[in-house]
Amino acid sequence: MTTRYSAGGLVSTVEDLALWTRALHQGRVVKPESLGRMLSPVRLVDGGTAEYGYGLSFRTIEGDRLVGHGGALPGFRCQVETDPKTGCVAVILANTSANPVDFGYFCRSLLALGAREPLPDLQPVAVDPARLKRLCGLYTLDGVTREIVFENGRLFSHRAGHPTLHLMIPESDTEFCMEDSDDHSRFELAGDRVLGLHKRYGDGPEGRLCQRQEPPPKAP
């Protein structure tokens, strides 16, 4: 998409982006003071900070601070990230924006492989199927609806209008991690009544309550 210029009109390769990223973090592109500012969170006018430097974003997952940037345009997605602790670099380029893969998790998996410490498979906690079924339904926040369905003894999640189902791996009877993702969900209950669910990505804070839609009353 050439109309995007430097915001998305660049052409590169996985190898070149990896070389660029390593050169940047090895101090061969900008001065040390400039790199320090790029690697420091920006201070906001209210006194807080944003997990973003000058052209670089940061995230902490399971104690590891990863540095990089992602992007997307219609038809394209990408993610470039490095783990400063190991020096490994992961680059993902995709010529589709319809791929349901969690690029953040994919990058983290590649970085772990590069460090020869593959991510462990998450072991699900055994939960009574009846306790899983009670969580099924529609959940809405800010006009976006998510459906939780029960199939073959397991829970799946998908956005309304999107057919792809994502397996929910139980960490307890109310907390779940999405398969091959750093997305987490925690259901909030009042007694046996399900009020809604909170989403959380990685080590980040929980989002606002995504309220469960009550089914319409049955006709007499």
N, C-alpha and C. Protein backbone atom coordinates (compact mmCIF):
# COMPACT_ATOMS: atom_id res chain seq x y z
N MET A 1 0.86 -1.19 0.00
CA MET A 1 0.00 0.00 0.00
C MET A 1 0.89 1.24 0.00
N THR A 2 1.24 1.72 -1.18
CA THR A 2 2.22 2.80 -1.31
C THR A 2 1.73 4.13 -0.77
N THR A 3 0.42 4.29 -0.62
CA THR A 3 -0.09 5.57 -0.12
C THR A 3 0.24 5.79 1.34
N ARG A 4 0.69 4.74 2.05
CA ARG A 4 0.99 4.88 3.48
C ARG A 4 2.41 5.38 3.74
N TYR A 5 3.24 5.47 2.71
CA TYR A 5 4.62 5.94 2.87
C TYR A 5 5.32 5.18 4.00
N SER A 6 6.02 5.89 4.88
CA SER A 6 6.81 5.21 5.90
C SER A 6 5.95 4.57 6.99
N ALA A 7 4.66 4.88 7.01
CA ALA A 7 3.77 4.26 7.99
C ALA A 7 3.33 2.86 7.56
N GLY A 8 3.68 2.45 6.36
CA GLY A 8 3.30 1.11 5.94
C GLY A 8 3.67 0.80 4.51
N GLY A 9 4.35 1.71 3.83
CA GLY A 9 4.72 1.49 2.45
C GLY A 9 6.13 0.95 2.28
N LEU A 10 6.72 0.43 3.34
CA LEU A 10 8.09 -0.10 3.26
C LEU A 10 8.08 -1.58 2.85
N VAL A 11 9.12 -1.99 2.17
CA VAL A 11 9.29 -3.38 1.78
C VAL A 11 10.58 -3.89 2.40
N SER A 12 10.52 -5.05 3.07
CA SER A 12 11.71 -5.60 3.68
C SER A 12 11.59 -7.12 3.74
N THR A 13 12.53 -7.75 4.40
CA THR A 13 12.53 -9.20 4.57
C THR A 13 12.74 -9.52 6.04
N VAL A 14 12.46 -10.75 6.40
CA VAL A 14 12.69 -11.20 7.78
C VAL A 14 14.16 -11.03 8.15
N GLU A 15 15.05 -11.41 7.25
CA GLU A 15 16.48 -11.33 7.54
C GLU A 15 16.94 -9.89 7.74
N ASP A 16 16.49 -8.98 6.86
CA ASP A 16 16.91 -7.58 6.99
C ASP A 16 16.38 -6.94 8.27
N LEU A 17 15.14 -7.24 8.63
CA LEU A 17 14.58 -6.66 9.85
C LEU A 17 15.29 -7.21 11.09
N ALA A 18 15.69 -8.46 11.04
CA ALA A 18 16.44 -9.03 12.17
C ALA A 18 17.81 -8.36 12.28
N LEU A 19 18.49 -8.16 11.15
CA LEU A 19 19.78 -7.48 11.16
C LEU A 19 19.64 -6.04 11.68
N TRP A 20 18.60 -5.36 11.22
CA TRP A 20 18.36 -3.98 11.66
C TRP A 20 18.13 -3.92 13.17
N THR A 21 17.31 -4.82 13.68
CA THR A 21 16.97 -4.82 15.10
C THR A 21 18.21 -5.09 15.95
N ARG A 22 19.03 -6.04 15.54
CA ARG A 22 20.25 -6.34 16.29
C ARG A 22 21.22 -5.16 16.24
N ALA A 23 21.34 -4.54 15.07
CA ALA A 23 22.23 -3.39 14.96
C ALA A 23 21.76 -2.24 15.85
N LEU A 24 20.44 -2.02 15.90
CA LEU A 24 19.90 -0.95 16.74
C LEU A 24 20.24 -1.18 18.20
N HIS A 25 20.00 -2.39 18.68
CA HIS A 25 20.20 -2.67 20.10
C HIS A 25 21.69 -2.86 20.46
N GLN A 26 22.52 -3.04 19.47
CA GLN A 26 23.96 -3.11 19.73
C GLN A 26 24.62 -1.74 19.61
N GLY A 27 23.81 -0.69 19.45
CA GLY A 27 24.34 0.67 19.42
C GLY A 27 25.02 1.07 18.13
N ARG A 28 24.67 0.41 17.03
CA ARG A 28 25.33 0.71 15.75
C ARG A 28 24.47 1.56 14.83
N VAL A 29 23.34 2.10 15.36
CA VAL A 29 22.45 2.92 14.53
C VAL A 29 22.34 4.34 15.07
N VAL A 30 22.09 4.47 16.37
CA VAL A 30 21.94 5.79 16.99
C VAL A 30 22.87 5.89 18.19
N LYS A 31 23.04 7.10 18.69
CA LYS A 31 23.89 7.32 19.85
C LYS A 31 23.32 6.60 21.08
N PRO A 32 24.18 6.25 22.04
CA PRO A 32 23.71 5.56 23.26
C PRO A 32 22.62 6.35 23.99
N GLU A 33 22.74 7.69 24.03
CA GLU A 33 21.72 8.49 24.72
C GLU A 33 20.38 8.37 24.00
N SER A 34 20.41 8.36 22.68
CA SER A 34 19.17 8.24 21.91
C SER A 34 18.55 6.86 22.10
N LEU A 35 19.39 5.82 22.09
CA LEU A 35 18.87 4.47 22.30
C LEU A 35 18.28 4.35 23.70
N GLY A 36 18.91 5.00 24.67
CA GLY A 36 18.37 4.98 26.03
C GLY A 36 16.98 5.58 26.10
N ARG A 37 16.77 6.67 25.35
CA ARG A 37 15.44 7.28 25.33
C ARG A 37 14.43 6.39 24.61
N MET A 38 14.88 5.72 23.56
CA MET A 38 13.99 4.80 22.85
C MET A 38 13.55 3.65 23.74
N LEU A 39 14.42 3.27 24.68
CA LEU A 39 14.12 2.12 25.55
C LEU A 39 13.48 2.52 26.87
N SER A 40 13.15 3.80 27.02
CA SER A 40 12.55 4.29 28.27
C SER A 40 11.08 4.65 28.04
N PRO A 41 10.19 4.25 28.95
CA PRO A 41 8.79 4.62 28.82
C PRO A 41 8.61 6.14 28.79
N VAL A 42 7.69 6.59 27.96
CA VAL A 42 7.41 8.01 27.86
C VAL A 42 6.61 8.47 29.07
N ARG A 43 6.98 9.62 29.63
CA ARG A 43 6.24 10.17 30.76
C ARG A 43 5.10 11.04 30.25
N LEU A 44 3.91 10.80 30.77
CA LEU A 44 2.71 11.50 30.34
C LEU A 44 2.51 12.79 31.14
N VAL A 45 1.65 13.65 30.64
CA VAL A 45 1.42 14.94 31.30
C VAL A 45 0.79 14.78 32.67
N ASP A 46 0.11 13.64 32.90
CA ASP A 46 -0.50 13.43 34.22
C ASP A 46 0.47 12.81 35.21
N GLY A 47 1.74 12.63 34.79
CA GLY A 47 2.74 12.07 35.70
C GLY A 47 2.95 10.58 35.53
N GLY A 48 2.04 9.92 34.82
CA GLY A 48 2.19 8.49 34.61
C GLY A 48 3.13 8.21 33.45
N THR A 49 3.25 6.95 33.09
CA THR A 49 4.11 6.56 31.98
C THR A 49 3.34 5.65 31.03
N ALA A 50 3.78 5.61 29.79
CA ALA A 50 3.23 4.70 28.78
C ALA A 50 4.31 3.72 28.37
N GLU A 51 3.94 2.47 28.16
CA GLU A 51 4.91 1.45 27.77
C GLU A 51 5.29 1.63 26.31
N TYR A 52 5.87 2.79 26.03
CA TYR A 52 6.25 3.15 24.67
C TYR A 52 7.38 4.14 24.73
N GLY A 53 8.43 3.91 23.94
CA GLY A 53 9.53 4.85 23.87
C GLY A 53 9.45 5.63 22.58
N TYR A 54 10.56 5.90 21.95
CA TYR A 54 10.56 6.57 20.66
C TYR A 54 10.63 5.51 19.56
N GLY A 55 9.46 5.08 19.11
CA GLY A 55 9.40 4.07 18.06
C GLY A 55 9.46 2.64 18.55
N LEU A 56 9.55 2.43 19.86
CA LEU A 56 9.58 1.07 20.41
C LEU A 56 8.52 0.93 21.49
N SER A 57 7.89 -0.22 21.53
CA SER A 57 6.92 -0.50 22.60
C SER A 57 7.45 -1.62 23.46
N PHE A 58 6.95 -1.68 24.70
CA PHE A 58 7.44 -2.66 25.67
C PHE A 58 6.27 -3.44 26.25
N ARG A 59 6.54 -4.68 26.60
CA ARG A 59 5.55 -5.47 27.33
C ARG A 59 6.29 -6.45 28.21
N THR A 60 5.69 -6.76 29.34
CA THR A 60 6.28 -7.71 30.27
C THR A 60 5.37 -8.93 30.35
N ILE A 61 5.91 -10.09 30.02
CA ILE A 61 5.16 -11.34 30.04
C ILE A 61 5.93 -12.33 30.89
N GLU A 62 5.30 -12.78 31.98
CA GLU A 62 5.92 -13.74 32.90
C GLU A 62 7.30 -13.28 33.32
N GLY A 63 7.41 -11.98 33.58
CA GLY A 63 8.64 -11.41 34.10
C GLY A 63 9.66 -11.00 33.06
N ASP A 64 9.45 -11.37 31.78
CA ASP A 64 10.39 -11.01 30.72
C ASP A 64 9.92 -9.73 30.03
N ARG A 65 10.83 -8.74 29.92
CA ARG A 65 10.50 -7.48 29.25
C ARG A 65 10.93 -7.57 27.80
N LEU A 66 9.97 -7.52 26.89
CA LEU A 66 10.23 -7.64 25.47
C LEU A 66 10.06 -6.28 24.81
N VAL A 67 10.87 -6.01 23.78
CA VAL A 67 10.91 -4.70 23.14
C VAL A 67 10.74 -4.87 21.64
N GLY A 68 9.85 -4.08 21.05
CA GLY A 68 9.68 -4.16 19.60
C GLY A 68 8.53 -3.32 19.11
N HIS A 69 7.90 -3.79 18.05
CA HIS A 69 6.75 -3.08 17.50
C HIS A 69 6.03 -4.01 16.53
N GLY A 70 4.73 -3.81 16.46
CA GLY A 70 3.92 -4.55 15.50
C GLY A 70 3.14 -3.57 14.64
N GLY A 71 2.48 -4.11 13.65
CA GLY A 71 1.68 -3.24 12.80
C GLY A 71 0.75 -4.06 11.92
N ALA A 72 -0.22 -3.36 11.35
CA ALA A 72 -1.17 -4.04 10.47
C ALA A 72 -1.79 -3.02 9.52
N LEU A 73 -2.00 -3.46 8.30
CA LEU A 73 -2.75 -2.75 7.28
C LEU A 73 -3.67 -3.77 6.63
N PRO A 74 -4.70 -3.34 5.95
CA PRO A 74 -5.55 -4.33 5.26
C PRO A 74 -4.70 -5.24 4.36
N GLY A 75 -4.70 -6.52 4.68
CA GLY A 75 -3.93 -7.48 3.89
C GLY A 75 -2.57 -7.81 4.42
N PHE A 76 -2.10 -7.13 5.47
CA PHE A 76 -0.75 -7.36 5.98
C PHE A 76 -0.72 -7.25 7.50
N ARG A 77 0.17 -8.05 8.11
CA ARG A 77 0.44 -7.94 9.54
C ARG A 77 1.92 -8.22 9.77
N CYS A 78 2.47 -7.62 10.82
CA CYS A 78 3.88 -7.87 11.13
C CYS A 78 4.14 -7.67 12.61
N GLN A 79 5.22 -8.24 13.08
CA GLN A 79 5.67 -8.08 14.45
C GLN A 79 7.17 -8.29 14.49
N VAL A 80 7.89 -7.36 15.11
CA VAL A 80 9.33 -7.48 15.31
C VAL A 80 9.59 -7.25 16.80
N GLU A 81 10.31 -8.17 17.41
CA GLU A 81 10.50 -8.07 18.86
C GLU A 81 11.83 -8.70 19.24
N THR A 82 12.41 -8.16 20.32
CA THR A 82 13.66 -8.74 20.84
C THR A 82 13.56 -8.87 22.35
N ASP A 83 14.29 -9.84 22.86
CA ASP A 83 14.45 -10.00 24.31
C ASP A 83 15.85 -9.50 24.66
N PRO A 84 15.96 -8.28 25.24
CA PRO A 84 17.28 -7.72 25.52
C PRO A 84 18.14 -8.62 26.42
N LYS A 85 17.49 -9.45 27.21
CA LYS A 85 18.24 -10.32 28.13
C LYS A 85 19.03 -11.39 27.38
N THR A 86 18.46 -11.91 26.29
CA THR A 86 19.11 -12.98 25.54
C THR A 86 19.70 -12.49 24.21
N GLY A 87 19.23 -11.34 23.73
CA GLY A 87 19.68 -10.84 22.45
C GLY A 87 18.99 -11.48 21.26
N CYS A 88 18.05 -12.38 21.51
CA CYS A 88 17.32 -13.03 20.42
C CYS A 88 16.33 -12.06 19.79
N VAL A 89 16.08 -12.23 18.49
CA VAL A 89 15.16 -11.39 17.74
C VAL A 89 14.15 -12.29 17.03
N ALA A 90 12.88 -11.89 17.06
CA ALA A 90 11.84 -12.61 16.33
C ALA A 90 11.18 -11.64 15.35
N VAL A 91 10.99 -12.10 14.13
CA VAL A 91 10.35 -11.28 13.09
C VAL A 91 9.26 -12.12 12.44
N ILE A 92 8.06 -11.57 12.35
CA ILE A 92 6.94 -12.24 11.69
C ILE A 92 6.38 -11.29 10.64
N LEU A 93 6.30 -11.74 9.41
CA LEU A 93 5.68 -10.98 8.32
C LEU A 93 4.58 -11.85 7.72
N ALA A 94 3.40 -11.30 7.56
CA ALA A 94 2.27 -12.07 7.02
C ALA A 94 1.57 -11.25 5.94
N ASN A 95 1.27 -11.88 4.82
CA ASN A 95 0.55 -11.18 3.77
C ASN A 95 -0.95 -11.46 3.84
N THR A 96 -1.45 -11.48 5.07
CA THR A 96 -2.89 -11.56 5.32
C THR A 96 -3.17 -10.90 6.65
N SER A 97 -4.30 -10.24 6.75
CA SER A 97 -4.70 -9.68 8.04
C SER A 97 -5.81 -10.51 8.66
N ALA A 98 -6.12 -11.66 8.05
CA ALA A 98 -7.20 -12.51 8.54
C ALA A 98 -6.70 -13.64 9.42
N ASN A 99 -5.37 -13.74 9.60
CA ASN A 99 -4.80 -14.84 10.37
C ASN A 99 -5.17 -14.69 11.85
N PRO A 100 -5.77 -15.72 12.46
CA PRO A 100 -6.20 -15.60 13.86
C PRO A 100 -5.09 -15.79 14.89
N VAL A 101 -3.85 -16.00 14.43
CA VAL A 101 -2.74 -16.26 15.36
C VAL A 101 -2.47 -15.03 16.23
N ASP A 102 -2.18 -15.26 17.50
CA ASP A 102 -1.76 -14.20 18.41
C ASP A 102 -0.28 -13.92 18.13
N PHE A 103 -0.01 -12.82 17.41
CA PHE A 103 1.37 -12.55 17.01
C PHE A 103 2.28 -12.31 18.22
N GLY A 104 1.74 -11.73 19.29
CA GLY A 104 2.54 -11.52 20.49
C GLY A 104 3.01 -12.83 21.08
N TYR A 105 2.11 -13.80 21.16
CA TYR A 105 2.47 -15.12 21.69
C TYR A 105 3.42 -15.83 20.73
N PHE A 106 3.16 -15.70 19.43
CA PHE A 106 4.01 -16.32 18.41
C PHE A 106 5.44 -15.79 18.54
N CYS A 107 5.57 -14.46 18.69
CA CYS A 107 6.90 -13.86 18.86
C CYS A 107 7.58 -14.39 20.11
N ARG A 108 6.83 -14.44 21.19
CA ARG A 108 7.40 -14.92 22.46
C ARG A 108 7.85 -16.37 22.34
N SER A 109 7.11 -17.17 21.60
CA SER A 109 7.49 -18.57 21.39
C SER A 109 8.79 -18.66 20.60
N LEU A 110 8.92 -17.82 19.56
CA LEU A 110 10.14 -17.83 18.75
C LEU A 110 11.35 -17.38 19.57
N LEU A 111 11.16 -16.35 20.39
CA LEU A 111 12.25 -15.87 21.23
C LEU A 111 12.69 -16.94 22.22
N ALA A 112 11.72 -17.68 22.74
CA ALA A 112 12.05 -18.76 23.68
C ALA A 112 12.81 -19.88 22.97
N LEU A 113 12.42 -20.19 21.75
CA LEU A 113 13.14 -21.22 20.98
C LEU A 113 14.55 -20.76 20.67
N GLY A 114 14.68 -19.45 20.33
CA GLY A 114 16.01 -18.92 20.04
C GLY A 114 16.94 -19.00 21.24
N ALA A 115 16.36 -18.88 22.43
CA ALA A 115 17.14 -18.97 23.67
C ALA A 115 17.26 -20.41 24.16
N ARG A 116 16.75 -21.35 23.37
CA ARG A 116 16.76 -22.78 23.69
C ARG A 116 16.03 -23.08 24.99
N GLU A 117 14.98 -22.31 25.25
CA GLU A 117 14.12 -22.55 26.41
C GLU A 117 12.67 -22.49 25.96
N PRO A 118 12.20 -23.50 25.22
CA PRO A 118 10.84 -23.47 24.68
C PRO A 118 9.79 -23.25 25.77
N LEU A 119 8.73 -22.52 25.40
CA LEU A 119 7.66 -22.29 26.35
C LEU A 119 7.01 -23.62 26.73
N PRO A 120 6.74 -23.84 28.00
CA PRO A 120 6.09 -25.10 28.41
C PRO A 120 4.63 -25.11 27.99
N ASP A 121 4.12 -26.31 27.72
CA ASP A 121 2.70 -26.45 27.42
C ASP A 121 1.90 -26.21 28.70
N LEU A 122 0.84 -25.43 28.57
CA LEU A 122 -0.01 -25.16 29.73
C LEU A 122 -0.84 -26.39 30.05
N GLN A 123 -0.77 -26.85 31.28
CA GLN A 123 -1.53 -28.02 31.70
C GLN A 123 -2.89 -27.60 32.26
N PRO A 124 -3.98 -28.04 31.63
CA PRO A 124 -5.31 -27.63 32.10
C PRO A 124 -5.65 -28.25 33.45
N VAL A 125 -6.40 -27.50 34.23
CA VAL A 125 -6.93 -27.98 35.51
C VAL A 125 -8.24 -28.72 35.23
N ALA A 126 -8.46 -29.85 35.88
CA ALA A 126 -9.70 -30.60 35.69
C ALA A 126 -10.86 -29.84 36.31
N VAL A 127 -11.91 -29.60 35.52
CA VAL A 127 -13.09 -28.87 35.98
C VAL A 127 -14.33 -29.67 35.60
N ASP A 128 -15.27 -29.78 36.52
CA ASP A 128 -16.53 -30.46 36.27
C ASP A 128 -17.21 -29.83 35.05
N PRO A 129 -17.61 -30.64 34.06
CA PRO A 129 -18.27 -30.09 32.87
C PRO A 129 -19.46 -29.20 33.18
N ALA A 130 -20.19 -29.51 34.25
CA ALA A 130 -21.35 -28.68 34.61
C ALA A 130 -20.92 -27.27 34.99
N ARG A 131 -19.74 -27.16 35.62
CA ARG A 131 -19.24 -25.84 36.00
C ARG A 131 -18.73 -25.07 34.78
N LEU A 132 -18.33 -25.80 33.76
CA LEU A 132 -17.94 -25.14 32.51
C LEU A 132 -19.18 -24.66 31.75
N LYS A 133 -20.21 -25.51 31.68
CA LYS A 133 -21.41 -25.17 30.92
C LYS A 133 -22.09 -23.91 31.44
N ARG A 134 -22.02 -23.67 32.76
CA ARG A 134 -22.70 -22.50 33.32
C ARG A 134 -22.11 -21.19 32.81
N LEU A 135 -20.89 -21.25 32.26
CA LEU A 135 -20.22 -20.04 31.78
C LEU A 135 -20.59 -19.70 30.34
N CYS A 136 -21.31 -20.60 29.67
CA CYS A 136 -21.67 -20.36 28.27
C CYS A 136 -22.64 -19.19 28.16
N GLY A 137 -22.55 -18.49 27.04
CA GLY A 137 -23.46 -17.38 26.82
C GLY A 137 -22.79 -16.26 26.05
N LEU A 138 -23.49 -15.13 25.97
CA LEU A 138 -22.99 -13.95 25.26
C LEU A 138 -22.53 -12.91 26.27
N TYR A 139 -21.39 -12.29 25.99
CA TYR A 139 -20.80 -11.28 26.86
C TYR A 139 -20.50 -10.04 26.03
N THR A 140 -20.93 -8.87 26.52
CA THR A 140 -20.82 -7.65 25.72
C THR A 140 -20.12 -6.55 26.49
N LEU A 141 -19.25 -5.82 25.78
CA LEU A 141 -18.57 -4.64 26.32
C LEU A 141 -18.33 -3.66 25.17
N ASP A 142 -18.80 -2.44 25.34
CA ASP A 142 -18.60 -1.37 24.34
C ASP A 142 -19.04 -1.81 22.94
N GLY A 143 -20.17 -2.48 22.89
CA GLY A 143 -20.74 -2.86 21.61
C GLY A 143 -20.13 -4.09 20.97
N VAL A 144 -19.12 -4.69 21.60
CA VAL A 144 -18.48 -5.90 21.07
C VAL A 144 -19.00 -7.10 21.86
N THR A 145 -19.49 -8.10 21.15
CA THR A 145 -20.06 -9.28 21.80
C THR A 145 -19.18 -10.50 21.57
N ARG A 146 -18.94 -11.23 22.65
CA ARG A 146 -18.16 -12.47 22.59
C ARG A 146 -19.06 -13.62 23.06
N GLU A 147 -18.95 -14.75 22.39
CA GLU A 147 -19.75 -15.92 22.76
C GLU A 147 -18.85 -17.01 23.32
N ILE A 148 -19.27 -17.58 24.44
CA ILE A 148 -18.59 -18.73 25.05
C ILE A 148 -19.46 -19.95 24.80
N VAL A 149 -18.88 -20.98 24.17
CA VAL A 149 -19.64 -22.18 23.84
C VAL A 149 -18.95 -23.40 24.44
N PHE A 150 -19.75 -24.45 24.65
CA PHE A 150 -19.26 -25.70 25.22
C PHE A 150 -19.38 -26.79 24.16
N GLU A 151 -18.24 -27.40 23.81
CA GLU A 151 -18.25 -28.47 22.82
C GLU A 151 -17.28 -29.57 23.24
N ASN A 152 -17.76 -30.80 23.21
CA ASN A 152 -16.92 -31.97 23.50
C ASN A 152 -16.17 -31.83 24.82
N GLY A 153 -16.86 -31.31 25.83
CA GLY A 153 -16.28 -31.22 27.17
C GLY A 153 -15.34 -30.06 27.39
N ARG A 154 -15.24 -29.14 26.41
CA ARG A 154 -14.33 -28.00 26.55
C ARG A 154 -15.02 -26.69 26.19
N LEU A 155 -14.48 -25.59 26.71
CA LEU A 155 -15.01 -24.26 26.40
C LEU A 155 -14.23 -23.63 25.26
N PHE A 156 -14.97 -22.90 24.42
CA PHE A 156 -14.37 -22.15 23.32
C PHE A 156 -14.93 -20.74 23.32
N SER A 157 -14.15 -19.82 22.81
CA SER A 157 -14.55 -18.42 22.76
C SER A 157 -14.40 -17.91 21.33
N HIS A 158 -15.32 -17.04 20.93
CA HIS A 158 -15.16 -16.37 19.64
C HIS A 158 -15.97 -15.08 19.64
N ARG A 159 -15.50 -14.12 18.86
CA ARG A 159 -16.23 -12.88 18.70
C ARG A 159 -17.45 -13.11 17.82
N ALA A 160 -18.56 -12.46 18.15
CA ALA A 160 -19.75 -12.58 17.32
C ALA A 160 -19.42 -12.12 15.91
N GLY A 161 -19.80 -12.92 14.93
CA GLY A 161 -19.51 -12.60 13.54
C GLY A 161 -18.23 -13.19 13.03
N HIS A 162 -17.39 -13.73 13.94
CA HIS A 162 -16.14 -14.37 13.55
C HIS A 162 -16.27 -15.88 13.82
N PRO A 163 -16.12 -16.72 12.80
CA PRO A 163 -16.37 -18.15 13.00
C PRO A 163 -15.29 -18.89 13.76
N THR A 164 -14.07 -18.34 13.84
CA THR A 164 -12.95 -19.08 14.45
C THR A 164 -13.17 -19.25 15.95
N LEU A 165 -13.11 -20.50 16.41
CA LEU A 165 -13.24 -20.81 17.83
C LEU A 165 -11.86 -20.93 18.46
N HIS A 166 -11.70 -20.34 19.64
CA HIS A 166 -10.43 -20.40 20.35
C HIS A 166 -10.63 -21.20 21.64
N LEU A 167 -9.81 -22.24 21.80
CA LEU A 167 -9.92 -23.10 22.97
C LEU A 167 -9.52 -22.35 24.23
N MET A 168 -10.34 -22.49 25.28
CA MET A 168 -10.07 -21.89 26.58
C MET A 168 -9.53 -22.98 27.51
N ILE A 169 -8.31 -22.79 27.98
CA ILE A 169 -7.67 -23.79 28.85
C ILE A 169 -7.88 -23.40 30.30
N PRO A 170 -8.57 -24.23 31.09
CA PRO A 170 -8.87 -23.85 32.48
C PRO A 170 -7.64 -23.83 33.38
N GLU A 171 -7.48 -22.72 34.10
CA GLU A 171 -6.46 -22.61 35.15
C GLU A 171 -7.11 -22.78 36.52
N SER A 172 -8.43 -22.59 36.57
CA SER A 172 -9.30 -22.88 37.71
C SER A 172 -10.70 -22.97 37.13
N ASP A 173 -11.72 -23.05 37.97
CA ASP A 173 -13.07 -23.16 37.40
C ASP A 173 -13.63 -21.81 36.96
N THR A 174 -12.88 -20.72 37.18
CA THR A 174 -13.33 -19.41 36.71
C THR A 174 -12.25 -18.66 35.93
N GLU A 175 -11.04 -19.21 35.83
CA GLU A 175 -9.94 -18.53 35.15
C GLU A 175 -9.42 -19.40 34.01
N PHE A 176 -9.20 -18.75 32.86
CA PHE A 176 -8.84 -19.50 31.67
C PHE A 176 -7.77 -18.74 30.88
N CYS A 177 -6.94 -19.50 30.18
CA CYS A 177 -5.98 -18.95 29.24
C CYS A 177 -6.35 -19.44 27.85
N MET A 178 -6.25 -18.58 26.85
CA MET A 178 -6.55 -19.01 25.49
C MET A 178 -5.39 -19.85 24.96
N GLU A 179 -5.70 -20.87 24.19
CA GLU A 179 -4.67 -21.72 23.60
C GLU A 179 -3.77 -20.91 22.68
N ASP A 180 -2.45 -21.11 22.79
CA ASP A 180 -1.47 -20.42 21.95
C ASP A 180 -1.66 -18.92 21.98
N SER A 181 -1.88 -18.39 23.17
CA SER A 181 -2.12 -16.96 23.32
C SER A 181 -1.76 -16.53 24.73
N ASP A 182 -1.52 -15.23 24.89
CA ASP A 182 -1.29 -14.66 26.22
C ASP A 182 -2.55 -13.99 26.75
N ASP A 183 -3.68 -14.27 26.12
CA ASP A 183 -4.97 -13.75 26.56
C ASP A 183 -5.50 -14.59 27.72
N HIS A 184 -5.99 -13.92 28.75
CA HIS A 184 -6.58 -14.60 29.90
C HIS A 184 -7.99 -14.06 30.14
N SER A 185 -8.85 -14.91 30.67
CA SER A 185 -10.22 -14.51 31.02
C SER A 185 -10.52 -14.96 32.44
N ARG A 186 -11.16 -14.09 33.19
CA ARG A 186 -11.62 -14.45 34.54
C ARG A 186 -13.10 -14.12 34.65
N PHE A 187 -13.90 -15.13 34.97
CA PHE A 187 -15.34 -14.94 35.11
C PHE A 187 -15.66 -14.46 36.51
N GLU A 188 -16.54 -13.49 36.59
CA GLU A 188 -16.97 -12.95 37.88
C GLU A 188 -18.36 -13.48 38.19
N LEU A 189 -18.50 -14.04 39.40
CA LEU A 189 -19.77 -14.65 39.80
C LEU A 189 -20.29 -14.01 41.07
N ALA A 190 -21.60 -14.06 41.23
CA ALA A 190 -22.26 -13.69 42.47
C ALA A 190 -23.06 -14.92 42.89
N GLY A 191 -22.50 -15.71 43.78
CA GLY A 191 -23.09 -17.00 44.08
C GLY A 191 -22.94 -17.90 42.87
N ASP A 192 -24.06 -18.44 42.37
CA ASP A 192 -24.04 -19.27 41.17
C ASP A 192 -24.34 -18.48 39.91
N ARG A 193 -24.58 -17.18 40.05
CA ARG A 193 -24.94 -16.35 38.88
C ARG A 193 -23.68 -15.76 38.26
N VAL A 194 -23.54 -15.94 36.96
CA VAL A 194 -22.38 -15.42 36.24
C VAL A 194 -22.67 -13.98 35.83
N LEU A 195 -21.86 -13.05 36.33
CA LEU A 195 -22.08 -11.63 36.04
C LEU A 195 -21.39 -11.19 34.74
N GLY A 196 -20.24 -11.78 34.46
CA GLY A 196 -19.49 -11.38 33.26
C GLY A 196 -18.08 -11.90 33.34
N LEU A 197 -17.23 -11.37 32.48
CA LEU A 197 -15.83 -11.80 32.48
C LEU A 197 -14.90 -10.60 32.28
N HIS A 198 -13.71 -10.74 32.81
CA HIS A 198 -12.66 -9.74 32.66
C HIS A 198 -11.58 -10.33 31.75
N LYS A 199 -11.07 -9.52 30.81
CA LYS A 199 -9.98 -9.94 29.94
C LYS A 199 -8.68 -9.34 30.45
N ARG A 200 -7.61 -10.08 30.28
CA ARG A 200 -6.27 -9.60 30.65
C ARG A 200 -5.28 -10.16 29.64
N TYR A 201 -4.32 -9.33 29.24
CA TYR A 201 -3.30 -9.80 28.31
C TYR A 201 -1.96 -9.84 29.02
N GLY A 202 -1.36 -11.02 29.06
CA GLY A 202 -0.06 -11.18 29.69
C GLY A 202 -0.08 -10.77 31.15
N ASP A 203 0.92 -9.95 31.54
CA ASP A 203 1.01 -9.48 32.91
C ASP A 203 0.28 -8.16 33.11
N GLY A 204 -0.50 -7.73 32.11
CA GLY A 204 -1.19 -6.45 32.19
C GLY A 204 -2.37 -6.49 33.15
N PRO A 205 -3.00 -5.33 33.37
CA PRO A 205 -4.15 -5.26 34.27
C PRO A 205 -5.41 -5.85 33.64
N GLU A 206 -6.34 -6.22 34.48
CA GLU A 206 -7.62 -6.72 33.98
C GLU A 206 -8.43 -5.58 33.36
N GLY A 207 -9.16 -5.93 32.32
CA GLY A 207 -10.05 -4.96 31.70
C GLY A 207 -11.37 -4.85 32.44
N ARG A 208 -12.19 -3.92 31.99
CA ARG A 208 -13.51 -3.74 32.59
C ARG A 208 -14.37 -4.97 32.38
N LEU A 209 -15.43 -5.06 33.19
CA LEU A 209 -16.30 -6.23 33.14
C LEU A 209 -17.04 -6.28 31.81
N CYS A 210 -16.90 -7.41 31.14
CA CYS A 210 -17.67 -7.70 29.93
C CYS A 210 -18.93 -8.43 30.39
N GLN A 211 -20.06 -7.73 30.39
CA GLN A 211 -21.27 -8.22 31.05
C GLN A 211 -21.94 -9.34 30.27
N ARG A 212 -22.41 -10.31 31.04
CA ARG A 212 -23.13 -11.41 30.42
C ARG A 212 -24.55 -10.96 30.09
N GLN A 213 -24.99 -11.31 28.89
CA GLN A 213 -26.35 -10.97 28.48
C GLN A 213 -27.30 -12.04 28.99
N GLU A 214 -28.29 -11.58 29.72
CA GLU A 214 -29.28 -12.54 30.23
C GLU A 214 -30.20 -12.98 29.08
N PRO A 215 -30.50 -14.27 29.01
CA PRO A 215 -31.41 -14.73 27.95
C PRO A 215 -32.81 -14.16 28.16
N PRO A 216 -33.54 -13.91 27.08
CA PRO A 216 -34.90 -13.37 27.24
C PRO A 216 -35.78 -14.34 27.98
N PRO A 217 -36.74 -13.84 28.75
CA PRO A 217 -37.62 -14.75 29.49
C PRO A 217 -38.46 -15.61 28.54
N LYS A 218 -38.69 -16.84 28.98
CA LYS A 218 -39.50 -17.74 28.16
C LYS A 218 -40.94 -17.28 28.11
N ALA A 219 -41.56 -17.47 26.95
CA ALA A 219 -42.97 -17.09 26.80
C ALA A 219 -43.84 -18.00 27.66
N PRO A 220 -44.86 -17.44 28.29
CA PRO A 220 -45.71 -18.29 29.14
C PRO A 220 -46.47 -19.32 28.31
